[in-house]
Amino acid sequence: MNQIRISVLLAVLCLLASKIIQAQDYKQNAICVDGSSTLCSTLPVDLPDLKVRLGYNPDTNVAEPGDYVAQINFDYFAWQMFVALNWPADSQGQPSTTSTITSDTTSPRVWEYYKSVSDVYGGNDAPAKCDRGSNRLLVTKTSKISTNSFIEPFTSWPLIDSAGNFVVYDIRLNEVEANYILGGNSKGIDLSTKSGQEKFDQAWDFPTGQAPDKPGAMEIKTAWRVFPQGADSSGFFTLPGMIEVDASNSASGESLCLDVTLGLVGMHIMQKISNPEKFSDYWVWATFEHKFNAPYAEGTTPSQVNDQATASGIEPLSSCPRPKISSRSWSFFNSDCTAPDICKPNLPPAKPKGNYLWQATAPFAKLYLIDNAYGTQVTRCWAIYETALTVTKQFQTAMGTSLWTNYQLVGAQWAQNGSEGAPSIVPFSAPYYLTNTTLETYLQINEIGLKPHLGPAPGSCIACHNMATDTAKNPSDFSFLSGYAK
């Protein structure tokens, strides 16, 4: 019996030792993917040599070695993507070799040269009515199916900031994904059209990343605060933008061309990887926010898969109550809005009989303000994961006094092909929940969010995108963009 106990103890010690070695020696756990401690423009494309045991417990603790080691690997990967994509670019869209992300905050970013949805799925937008001029981002709402919008995905509601302006969104695809859609797939079929998708008649399978420098398919979605001329946008990464509002979305009944400054408040990044092999089918999902977007809900705790959590089970919270004290100036919360019946957190603005309408001057969402004064009252339903906070601190230190220190990783999600004892078609996500308050404001909780029958984790990127199909009902490899085909 003693010999058995000694054998078990040795096995446990070996397992812990292997995890500690993995945490210390995995090369990509650094500010730069090459293992150095300096911010760099190198885009991580895979996690070679990373070993993750099957049947892992996707915890996010950092107090002692455990399965969090694998989680923190993906958190580093997420931050490295964020830095590389937001690196200033030269005129060809390549990372600048003469400036850095911290020294140059005005030049176009690398991701700005990625394909827009209109570039790939043509025919969704009406002809531009506005003179884009020198503006770098054209945000339009010109047809029933728009590639850029002010309506949050999977809802019929907009998000309104504390100044009374709508948040707007942009979507980009890298060349790898665009090429696959436009004919670079196994059948050589153009999947940007409904007829092409019907002819393809099989599940999509985007290319995966291969180290050291061959990226997999990537999608990027950004959320932006609208700053009218003269408004204070300090502390945000900003770029000049033009918002084109169709007459059907204008309070005056006439189309609008709004010349504004856009401030980054949220960013989703998804990239398909090859390694670890058992996890390669489900991409890596990373989401970032400006740290002054919204406060934590009262009583918020970490994900249940964490020693500090007080909740139990695997269901999201049923509500996200207002914090008792929150005097900070937030982009999407105002502590002066206290009326219990109308200032509830994470509730959408009143739905009009027709479209939501823009004013010609700020505040652009004037018709939908709470008590004629306040925007959407947002609270964060889940505390940011410990591993994400740990890695964010390292990158914020590297950013110095740059405006980029105002951005934080909410989390990085990954999955294996089913868990032990579960059907292989069910993604086993780690962490279980991941939502962005600017992109999934209304999907954080059960009251309005995705229902359990749509997936094992309503507040989950992977569980949601696992339902994605093209217009011919072929599984579209976690990309909902296939629905833009005409």
Protein backbone atom coordinates (compact mmCIF):
# COMPACT_ATOMS: atom_id res chain seq x y z
CA MET A 1 0.00 0.00 0.00
CA ASN A 2 2.82 2.43 0.89
CA GLN A 3 4.50 1.66 -2.42
CA ILE A 4 1.29 2.56 -4.25
CA ARG A 5 1.00 5.82 -2.35
CA ILE A 6 4.61 6.67 -3.16
CA SER A 7 4.00 5.93 -6.84
CA VAL A 8 0.92 8.17 -6.90
CA LEU A 9 2.80 10.94 -5.11
CA LEU A 10 5.68 10.74 -7.59
CA ALA A 11 3.22 10.90 -10.49
CA VAL A 12 1.60 14.02 -9.04
CA LEU A 13 4.97 15.65 -8.44
CA CYS A 14 6.03 14.90 -12.01
CA LEU A 15 2.82 16.42 -13.34
CA LEU A 16 3.31 19.59 -11.31
CA ALA A 17 6.95 19.77 -12.33
CA SER A 18 6.03 19.46 -16.01
CA LYS A 19 3.52 22.29 -15.65
CA ILE A 20 6.08 24.51 -13.93
CA ILE A 21 8.62 23.80 -16.67
CA GLN A 22 5.97 24.52 -19.27
CA ALA A 23 5.20 27.88 -17.66
CA GLN A 24 8.88 28.86 -17.46
CA ASP A 25 10.19 27.49 -20.74
CA TYR A 26 7.41 28.07 -23.23
CA LYS A 27 9.13 30.61 -25.44
CA GLN A 28 6.12 32.66 -26.54
CA ASN A 29 5.23 33.70 -22.98
CA ALA A 30 6.86 37.09 -23.46
CA ILE A 31 6.12 40.63 -24.63
CA CYS A 32 7.27 39.63 -28.13
CA VAL A 33 6.51 36.28 -29.71
CA ASP A 34 10.25 35.69 -30.22
CA GLY A 35 10.68 35.48 -26.46
CA SER A 36 12.10 38.97 -25.94
CA SER A 37 10.79 41.54 -23.47
CA THR A 38 10.33 44.34 -26.02
CA LEU A 39 7.14 45.32 -27.84
CA CYS A 40 7.35 44.13 -31.42
CA SER A 41 5.35 44.06 -34.65
CA THR A 42 5.64 40.29 -35.13
CA LEU A 43 2.22 38.67 -35.43
CA PRO A 44 1.94 35.36 -33.55
CA VAL A 45 0.39 32.74 -35.81
CA ASP A 46 0.50 29.54 -33.77
CA LEU A 47 1.48 28.05 -30.41
CA PRO A 48 4.12 25.47 -31.41
CA ASP A 49 5.31 22.96 -28.78
CA LEU A 50 2.53 23.94 -26.35
CA LYS A 51 1.25 20.82 -24.63
CA VAL A 52 -2.25 20.78 -23.12
CA ARG A 53 -3.55 17.63 -21.52
CA LEU A 54 -6.97 16.41 -22.62
CA GLY A 55 -9.64 16.57 -19.96
CA TYR A 56 -8.05 19.76 -18.62
CA ASN A 57 -9.85 21.92 -16.09
CA PRO A 58 -9.91 25.39 -17.70
CA ASP A 59 -9.21 27.38 -14.55
CA THR A 60 -7.81 30.93 -14.48
CA ASN A 61 -6.08 30.91 -11.10
CA VAL A 62 -2.55 32.24 -10.78
CA ALA A 63 -1.90 31.43 -7.12
CA GLU A 64 -0.25 28.08 -7.86
CA PRO A 65 0.73 25.96 -10.87
CA GLY A 66 -2.22 24.30 -12.53
CA ASP A 67 -4.13 24.25 -15.76
CA TYR A 68 -3.99 28.05 -15.77
CA VAL A 69 -0.54 27.55 -17.33
CA ALA A 70 -2.22 26.72 -20.62
CA GLN A 71 -4.64 29.62 -20.21
CA ILE A 72 -1.88 32.15 -19.69
CA ASN A 73 -0.16 30.92 -22.88
CA PHE A 74 -3.22 31.98 -24.84
CA ASP A 75 -3.40 35.30 -22.96
CA TYR A 76 0.13 36.14 -24.12
CA PHE A 77 -0.84 35.10 -27.64
CA ALA A 78 -3.83 37.47 -27.47
CA TRP A 79 -1.78 40.47 -26.37
CA GLN A 80 0.89 39.81 -28.99
CA MET A 81 -1.84 39.84 -31.67
CA PHE A 82 -3.25 43.10 -30.31
CA VAL A 83 0.13 44.84 -30.41
CA ALA A 84 1.03 43.56 -33.88
CA LEU A 85 -2.33 44.50 -35.41
CA ASN A 86 -2.26 47.97 -33.86
CA TRP A 87 1.33 48.62 -34.94
CA PRO A 88 1.68 51.66 -37.25
CA ALA A 89 1.83 50.62 -40.89
CA ASP A 90 3.72 51.87 -43.93
CA SER A 91 1.97 52.78 -47.17
CA GLN A 92 1.84 49.08 -48.17
CA GLY A 93 0.16 48.01 -44.94
CA GLN A 94 3.31 46.43 -43.53
CA PRO A 95 4.46 47.10 -39.96
CA SER A 96 6.56 50.25 -39.76
CA THR A 97 10.28 49.77 -39.20
CA THR A 98 10.83 53.40 -38.25
CA SER A 99 8.22 53.87 -35.53
CA THR A 100 6.52 51.80 -32.85
CA ILE A 101 3.05 51.38 -31.39
CA THR A 102 3.96 53.75 -28.55
CA SER A 103 5.90 56.37 -30.52
CA ASP A 104 3.34 56.80 -33.31
CA THR A 105 -0.33 57.00 -32.39
CA THR A 106 -1.59 58.82 -35.50
CA SER A 107 -0.56 56.69 -38.50
CA PRO A 108 -2.86 54.00 -39.94
CA ARG A 109 -2.64 50.66 -38.15
CA VAL A 110 -1.78 47.30 -39.76
CA TRP A 111 -5.36 46.02 -39.41
CA GLU A 112 -6.69 49.03 -41.36
CA TYR A 113 -5.17 47.47 -44.50
CA TYR A 114 -7.08 44.22 -44.04
CA LYS A 115 -10.07 43.57 -46.29
CA SER A 116 -13.44 45.01 -45.33
CA VAL A 117 -16.53 42.83 -45.63
CA SER A 118 -17.57 44.93 -48.64
CA ASP A 119 -14.24 44.09 -50.31
CA VAL A 120 -15.02 40.38 -50.06
CA TYR A 121 -18.82 40.18 -50.09
CA GLY A 122 -19.63 42.85 -52.63
CA GLY A 123 -23.06 44.26 -53.32
CA ASN A 124 -24.26 44.82 -49.75
CA ASP A 125 -23.96 48.58 -49.63
CA ALA A 126 -25.52 51.25 -51.80
CA PRO A 127 -23.13 53.62 -53.60
CA ALA A 128 -21.34 55.96 -51.20
CA LYS A 129 -23.01 59.34 -50.91
CA CYS A 130 -20.32 61.00 -48.82
CA ASP A 131 -16.93 62.35 -49.87
CA ARG A 132 -14.61 60.26 -47.73
CA GLY A 133 -11.80 62.79 -48.08
CA SER A 134 -8.87 62.06 -45.74
CA ASN A 135 -10.97 60.03 -43.31
CA ARG A 136 -9.53 56.57 -42.65
CA LEU A 137 -12.67 54.74 -41.63
CA LEU A 138 -15.93 54.95 -43.53
CA VAL A 139 -18.82 53.66 -41.45
CA THR A 140 -22.01 53.16 -43.39
CA LYS A 141 -25.59 52.10 -42.79
CA THR A 142 -26.94 52.15 -46.29
CA SER A 143 -28.92 48.97 -46.86
CA LYS A 144 -30.93 46.28 -45.13
CA ILE A 145 -27.78 44.15 -44.79
CA SER A 146 -24.88 46.44 -43.96
CA THR A 147 -21.24 45.55 -43.54
CA ASN A 148 -20.76 48.30 -41.00
CA SER A 149 -23.41 49.11 -38.45
CA PHE A 150 -24.44 50.71 -35.19
CA ILE A 151 -26.60 47.74 -34.18
CA GLU A 152 -24.99 45.13 -31.91
CA PRO A 153 -24.67 41.63 -33.41
CA PHE A 154 -27.49 39.16 -32.70
CA THR A 155 -29.67 41.95 -31.35
CA SER A 156 -31.84 44.70 -32.78
CA TRP A 157 -30.40 47.35 -30.44
CA PRO A 158 -27.66 49.97 -30.54
CA LEU A 159 -25.28 50.91 -27.72
CA ILE A 160 -25.33 54.57 -26.65
CA ASP A 161 -22.39 56.17 -24.84
CA SER A 162 -22.49 58.57 -21.89
CA ALA A 163 -22.43 61.56 -24.25
CA GLY A 164 -25.56 60.38 -26.05
CA ASN A 165 -23.93 59.07 -29.23
CA PHE A 166 -24.32 55.70 -30.94
CA VAL A 167 -21.38 53.28 -30.95
CA VAL A 168 -20.37 52.12 -34.44
CA TYR A 169 -18.67 48.91 -35.61
CA ASP A 170 -16.23 47.77 -38.28
CA ILE A 171 -15.24 44.27 -39.48
CA ARG A 172 -12.02 43.17 -41.25
CA LEU A 173 -10.65 39.93 -42.72
CA ASN A 174 -7.02 39.11 -43.45
CA GLU A 175 -5.82 38.01 -46.89
CA VAL A 176 -5.79 34.34 -45.85
CA GLU A 177 -9.50 34.25 -45.08
CA ALA A 178 -10.41 36.51 -48.00
CA ASN A 179 -8.51 34.32 -50.47
CA TYR A 180 -10.25 31.18 -49.21
CA ILE A 181 -13.66 32.80 -49.67
CA LEU A 182 -12.87 34.18 -53.11
CA GLY A 183 -11.87 30.82 -54.58
CA GLY A 184 -8.76 29.66 -52.77
CA ASN A 185 -10.57 26.70 -51.18
CA SER A 186 -10.45 22.98 -51.93
CA LYS A 187 -13.01 23.27 -54.76
CA GLY A 188 -11.86 26.59 -56.19
CA ILE A 189 -15.37 28.02 -55.75
CA ASP A 190 -16.18 31.67 -55.02
CA LEU A 191 -17.98 31.53 -51.68
CA SER A 192 -18.86 35.22 -51.61
CA THR A 193 -22.13 34.51 -53.43
CA LYS A 194 -25.17 32.40 -52.52
CA SER A 195 -24.84 30.40 -55.73
CA GLY A 196 -21.22 29.61 -54.90
CA GLN A 197 -22.12 28.46 -51.41
CA GLU A 198 -24.87 26.21 -52.77
CA LYS A 199 -22.43 24.69 -55.26
CA PHE A 200 -19.76 24.20 -52.58
CA ASP A 201 -22.16 22.07 -50.52
CA GLN A 202 -19.77 21.15 -47.71
CA ALA A 203 -18.39 22.52 -44.44
CA TRP A 204 -15.95 25.40 -44.71
CA ASP A 205 -12.39 24.86 -43.45
CA PHE A 206 -10.25 27.98 -43.29
CA PRO A 207 -6.43 27.65 -43.35
CA THR A 208 -4.62 27.41 -40.01
CA GLY A 209 -1.56 29.34 -38.90
CA GLN A 210 1.87 27.76 -39.19
CA ALA A 211 4.85 29.03 -37.20
CA PRO A 212 6.89 31.07 -37.63
CA ASP A 213 5.27 33.44 -40.12
CA LYS A 214 2.31 31.88 -41.94
CA PRO A 215 -0.90 33.28 -40.38
CA GLY A 216 -4.17 31.44 -40.37
CA ALA A 217 -7.55 32.95 -41.20
CA MET A 218 -8.30 36.04 -39.11
CA GLU A 219 -11.31 38.23 -38.42
CA ILE A 220 -11.23 41.51 -36.50
CA LYS A 221 -14.21 43.44 -35.21
CA THR A 222 -13.83 46.87 -33.62
CA ALA A 223 -16.20 49.09 -31.62
CA TRP A 224 -15.88 52.88 -31.67
CA ARG A 225 -17.12 55.81 -29.62
CA VAL A 226 -18.13 58.79 -31.75
CA PHE A 227 -16.49 62.06 -30.75
CA PRO A 228 -18.03 65.11 -32.46
CA GLN A 229 -15.76 68.02 -33.35
CA GLY A 230 -14.36 69.62 -30.21
CA ALA A 231 -15.14 66.67 -27.89
CA ASP A 232 -12.39 65.39 -25.60
CA SER A 233 -11.02 62.10 -26.93
CA SER A 234 -7.81 62.02 -24.89
CA GLY A 235 -6.82 58.60 -23.61
CA PHE A 236 -8.31 56.79 -26.63
CA PHE A 237 -6.71 55.53 -29.81
CA THR A 238 -8.51 57.67 -32.37
CA LEU A 239 -8.74 58.02 -36.11
CA PRO A 240 -10.66 60.35 -38.42
CA GLY A 241 -13.88 58.81 -39.65
CA MET A 242 -16.87 59.47 -41.83
CA ILE A 243 -20.28 58.12 -40.82
CA GLU A 244 -22.68 57.82 -43.72
CA VAL A 245 -26.29 57.67 -42.52
CA ASP A 246 -28.96 56.67 -44.98
CA ALA A 247 -32.18 58.68 -45.12
CA SER A 248 -34.02 55.72 -43.59
CA ASN A 249 -31.89 56.09 -40.43
CA SER A 250 -31.98 59.89 -40.29
CA ALA A 251 -34.37 61.85 -38.07
CA SER A 252 -34.65 64.52 -40.78
CA GLY A 253 -35.41 62.01 -43.51
CA GLU A 254 -32.31 63.12 -45.41
CA SER A 255 -29.04 61.23 -45.67
CA LEU A 256 -26.20 62.48 -43.45
CA CYS A 257 -22.41 62.67 -43.80
CA LEU A 258 -20.94 63.02 -40.32
CA ASP A 259 -17.28 63.99 -40.10
CA VAL A 260 -16.17 62.71 -36.67
CA THR A 261 -13.31 61.39 -34.59
CA LEU A 262 -13.66 57.71 -33.71
CA GLY A 263 -12.25 56.38 -30.44
CA LEU A 264 -11.52 52.67 -30.03
CA VAL A 265 -13.48 51.11 -27.14
CA GLY A 266 -13.55 47.41 -28.06
CA MET A 267 -11.71 44.90 -30.26
CA HIS A 268 -12.38 41.23 -31.06
CA ILE A 269 -9.58 39.21 -32.68
CA MET A 270 -10.04 35.63 -33.88
CA GLN A 271 -7.33 33.57 -35.56
CA LYS A 272 -7.25 29.92 -36.60
CA ILE A 273 -4.20 28.01 -35.35
CA SER A 274 -2.64 24.57 -35.94
CA ASN A 275 -1.21 23.83 -32.50
CA PRO A 276 -2.05 22.43 -30.03
CA GLU A 277 -3.60 20.07 -32.60
CA LYS A 278 -6.54 18.96 -30.45
CA PHE A 279 -7.60 22.59 -30.11
CA SER A 280 -7.01 23.79 -33.67
CA ASP A 281 -10.58 23.36 -34.92
CA TYR A 282 -11.98 26.11 -32.72
CA TRP A 283 -9.66 29.10 -33.34
CA VAL A 284 -8.30 31.46 -30.66
CA TRP A 285 -10.67 34.22 -29.55
CA ALA A 286 -9.32 37.37 -27.88
CA THR A 287 -11.28 40.41 -26.80
CA PHE A 288 -10.02 43.79 -25.57
CA GLU A 289 -11.65 46.88 -24.13
CA HIS A 290 -10.82 50.37 -22.99
CA LYS A 291 -10.44 50.14 -19.23
CA PHE A 292 -12.90 52.99 -18.59
CA ASN A 293 -15.80 51.49 -20.56
CA ALA A 294 -17.95 50.37 -17.64
CA PRO A 295 -17.77 49.40 -13.94
CA TYR A 296 -18.16 45.96 -12.48
CA ALA A 297 -21.67 44.99 -11.46
CA GLU A 298 -22.28 44.86 -7.72
CA GLY A 299 -21.07 41.54 -6.32
CA THR A 300 -19.28 40.48 -9.50
CA THR A 301 -16.97 37.50 -9.06
CA PRO A 302 -14.57 35.68 -11.38
CA SER A 303 -15.74 32.80 -13.54
CA GLN A 304 -16.91 29.85 -11.47
CA VAL A 305 -13.87 27.91 -12.65
CA ASN A 306 -11.69 29.87 -10.24
CA ASP A 307 -10.93 29.45 -6.53
CA GLN A 308 -12.13 33.00 -5.81
CA ALA A 309 -15.56 32.50 -7.36
CA THR A 310 -18.65 32.47 -5.16
CA ALA A 311 -21.12 31.39 -7.86
CA SER A 312 -21.75 27.75 -8.66
CA GLY A 313 -22.90 25.81 -11.68
CA ILE A 314 -22.14 26.87 -15.25
CA GLU A 315 -24.97 29.26 -16.02
CA PRO A 316 -24.35 33.02 -16.42
CA LEU A 317 -25.71 35.49 -13.91
CA SER A 318 -29.40 36.32 -14.17
CA SER A 319 -28.71 40.02 -13.58
CA CYS A 320 -25.83 42.46 -13.25
CA PRO A 321 -26.81 45.00 -10.57
CA ARG A 322 -25.54 48.57 -10.47
CA PRO A 323 -22.48 49.22 -8.30
CA LYS A 324 -23.31 51.02 -5.06
CA ILE A 325 -20.59 53.61 -5.60
CA SER A 326 -19.04 54.54 -8.95
CA SER A 327 -17.88 58.13 -9.23
CA ARG A 328 -15.49 57.60 -12.13
CA SER A 329 -16.32 59.00 -15.54
CA TRP A 330 -17.20 55.97 -17.65
CA SER A 331 -17.90 55.77 -21.37
CA PHE A 332 -21.05 53.68 -20.81
CA PHE A 333 -22.23 54.33 -17.27
CA ASN A 334 -23.37 57.41 -15.36
CA SER A 335 -23.72 57.23 -11.58
CA ASP A 336 -26.25 60.09 -11.68
CA CYS A 337 -28.74 57.84 -13.47
CA THR A 338 -30.38 56.26 -10.44
CA ALA A 339 -34.09 55.86 -11.19
CA PRO A 340 -34.64 52.14 -10.46
CA ASP A 341 -37.23 51.56 -13.17
CA ILE A 342 -35.38 53.14 -16.07
CA CYS A 343 -31.66 53.00 -15.15
CA LYS A 344 -31.32 49.23 -15.01
CA PRO A 345 -27.94 47.94 -16.22
CA ASN A 346 -27.46 46.42 -19.66
CA LEU A 347 -30.96 47.13 -20.90
CA PRO A 348 -31.31 48.32 -24.50
CA PRO A 349 -32.81 51.67 -25.46
CA ALA A 350 -36.52 51.76 -26.23
CA LYS A 351 -37.25 50.22 -29.61
CA PRO A 352 -38.97 52.61 -32.02
CA LYS A 353 -41.70 51.44 -34.40
CA GLY A 354 -39.28 51.79 -37.30
CA ASN A 355 -35.52 52.29 -37.46
CA TYR A 356 -33.34 53.95 -34.87
CA LEU A 357 -32.76 57.48 -36.14
CA TRP A 358 -29.66 59.69 -36.09
CA GLN A 359 -29.74 63.40 -35.40
CA ALA A 360 -27.77 65.69 -37.71
CA THR A 361 -25.82 67.08 -34.76
CA ALA A 362 -24.62 65.62 -31.46
CA PRO A 363 -25.91 63.99 -29.42
CA PHE A 364 -26.72 61.77 -32.36
CA ALA A 365 -28.86 59.35 -30.30
CA LYS A 366 -30.83 62.12 -28.60
CA LEU A 367 -34.21 60.46 -29.21
CA TYR A 368 -33.29 57.37 -27.15
CA LEU A 369 -31.59 58.74 -24.05
CA ILE A 370 -32.73 57.55 -20.62
CA ASP A 371 -34.70 60.35 -18.95
CA ASN A 372 -33.59 62.53 -21.89
CA ALA A 373 -30.07 62.65 -20.43
CA TYR A 374 -28.29 59.29 -20.17
CA GLY A 375 -26.93 56.63 -22.49
CA THR A 376 -26.93 52.88 -21.97
CA GLN A 377 -26.09 51.97 -18.37
CA VAL A 378 -23.55 49.19 -18.78
CA THR A 379 -22.05 47.01 -16.06
CA ARG A 380 -19.57 44.18 -16.48
CA CYS A 381 -21.18 40.91 -15.38
CA TRP A 382 -18.02 38.83 -14.92
CA ALA A 383 -14.74 39.93 -13.39
CA ILE A 384 -11.80 39.90 -15.79
CA TYR A 385 -9.83 36.67 -15.41
CA GLU A 386 -6.78 36.63 -13.16
CA THR A 387 -4.50 35.30 -15.87
CA ALA A 388 -5.63 38.04 -18.26
CA LEU A 389 -4.98 40.70 -15.59
CA THR A 390 -1.53 39.28 -14.93
CA VAL A 391 -0.49 39.43 -18.58
CA THR A 392 -2.14 42.82 -19.13
CA LYS A 393 -0.03 44.36 -16.35
CA GLN A 394 3.13 43.25 -18.12
CA PHE A 395 2.07 44.76 -21.44
CA GLN A 396 0.81 47.98 -19.83
CA THR A 397 4.21 48.39 -18.18
CA ALA A 398 5.88 47.90 -21.57
CA MET A 399 3.54 50.55 -23.05
CA GLY A 400 4.90 53.17 -20.62
CA THR A 401 2.88 56.38 -20.69
CA SER A 402 1.32 55.62 -24.09
CA LEU A 403 -2.44 55.83 -24.55
CA TRP A 404 -2.35 52.06 -25.15
CA THR A 405 -2.00 51.52 -21.39
CA ASN A 406 -5.73 52.31 -21.27
CA TYR A 407 -6.57 49.03 -23.02
CA GLN A 408 -6.96 45.68 -21.32
CA LEU A 409 -7.44 42.06 -22.24
CA VAL A 410 -10.82 40.78 -21.07
CA GLY A 411 -9.88 37.22 -21.96
CA ALA A 412 -8.70 34.71 -24.55
CA GLN A 413 -10.88 31.71 -25.30
CA TRP A 414 -9.91 28.38 -26.84
CA ALA A 415 -11.42 24.89 -26.97
CA GLN A 416 -10.87 21.22 -27.57
CA ASN A 417 -13.08 18.97 -29.67
CA GLY A 418 -15.49 18.01 -26.90
CA SER A 419 -14.78 17.17 -23.27
CA GLU A 420 -14.42 13.79 -21.66
CA GLY A 421 -17.76 12.03 -21.82
CA ALA A 422 -19.33 14.73 -24.02
CA PRO A 423 -20.20 14.57 -27.72
CA SER A 424 -17.29 15.67 -29.89
CA ILE A 425 -19.50 18.24 -31.60
CA VAL A 426 -19.73 20.27 -28.38
CA PRO A 427 -16.78 22.63 -27.94
CA PHE A 428 -15.27 22.48 -24.47
CA SER A 429 -14.31 26.14 -24.05
CA ALA A 430 -11.76 27.69 -21.76
CA PRO A 431 -12.65 29.94 -20.07
CA TYR A 432 -16.38 29.12 -20.17
CA TYR A 433 -17.49 32.75 -20.55
CA LEU A 434 -16.11 35.62 -22.59
CA THR A 435 -18.04 38.76 -23.51
CA ASN A 436 -17.15 42.32 -24.46
CA THR A 437 -19.30 45.08 -22.94
CA THR A 438 -19.22 47.11 -26.17
CA LEU A 439 -19.87 44.27 -28.60
CA GLU A 440 -22.11 41.97 -26.52
CA THR A 441 -23.65 44.35 -24.02
CA TYR A 442 -27.02 42.66 -24.10
CA LEU A 443 -25.76 39.06 -24.35
CA GLN A 444 -24.06 39.01 -20.95
CA ILE A 445 -27.05 37.74 -18.98
CA ASN A 446 -29.84 35.20 -19.33
CA GLU A 447 -32.62 37.80 -19.27
CA ILE A 448 -31.79 38.97 -22.78
CA GLY A 449 -28.79 36.92 -23.86
CA LEU A 450 -28.49 33.69 -25.79
CA LYS A 451 -30.58 30.88 -24.33
CA PRO A 452 -29.08 27.57 -23.17
CA HIS A 453 -30.54 25.63 -26.09
CA LEU A 454 -28.26 27.61 -28.41
CA GLY A 455 -25.11 26.29 -26.74
CA PRO A 456 -23.54 25.15 -23.48
CA ALA A 457 -22.32 28.62 -22.54
CA PRO A 458 -24.53 31.59 -23.47
CA GLY A 459 -21.77 34.13 -22.73
CA SER A 460 -19.25 32.39 -24.96
CA CYS A 461 -17.66 33.37 -28.29
CA ILE A 462 -17.13 29.76 -29.31
CA ALA A 463 -20.56 28.49 -28.26
CA CYS A 464 -22.19 31.26 -30.26
CA HIS A 465 -20.06 31.04 -33.40
CA ASN A 466 -20.29 27.25 -33.39
CA MET A 467 -23.78 27.78 -34.87
CA ALA A 468 -22.47 29.68 -37.93
CA THR A 469 -23.64 28.47 -41.34
CA ASP A 470 -23.59 29.95 -44.80
CA THR A 471 -26.71 30.76 -46.81
CA ALA A 472 -26.88 27.12 -47.99
CA LYS A 473 -26.75 25.89 -44.36
CA ASN A 474 -23.19 24.57 -44.72
CA PRO A 475 -21.20 24.99 -41.47
CA SER A 476 -19.01 28.04 -42.17
CA ASP A 477 -16.13 27.36 -39.75
CA PHE A 478 -17.29 29.74 -37.00
CA SER A 479 -17.66 32.72 -39.34
CA PHE A 480 -21.04 34.45 -39.55
CA LEU A 481 -19.73 36.68 -42.36
CA SER A 482 -20.81 34.03 -44.88
CA GLY A 483 -24.35 35.36 -44.41
CA TYR A 484 -23.40 38.53 -46.29
CA ALA A 485 -23.36 36.61 -49.60
CA LYS A 486 -25.92 37.76 -52.16
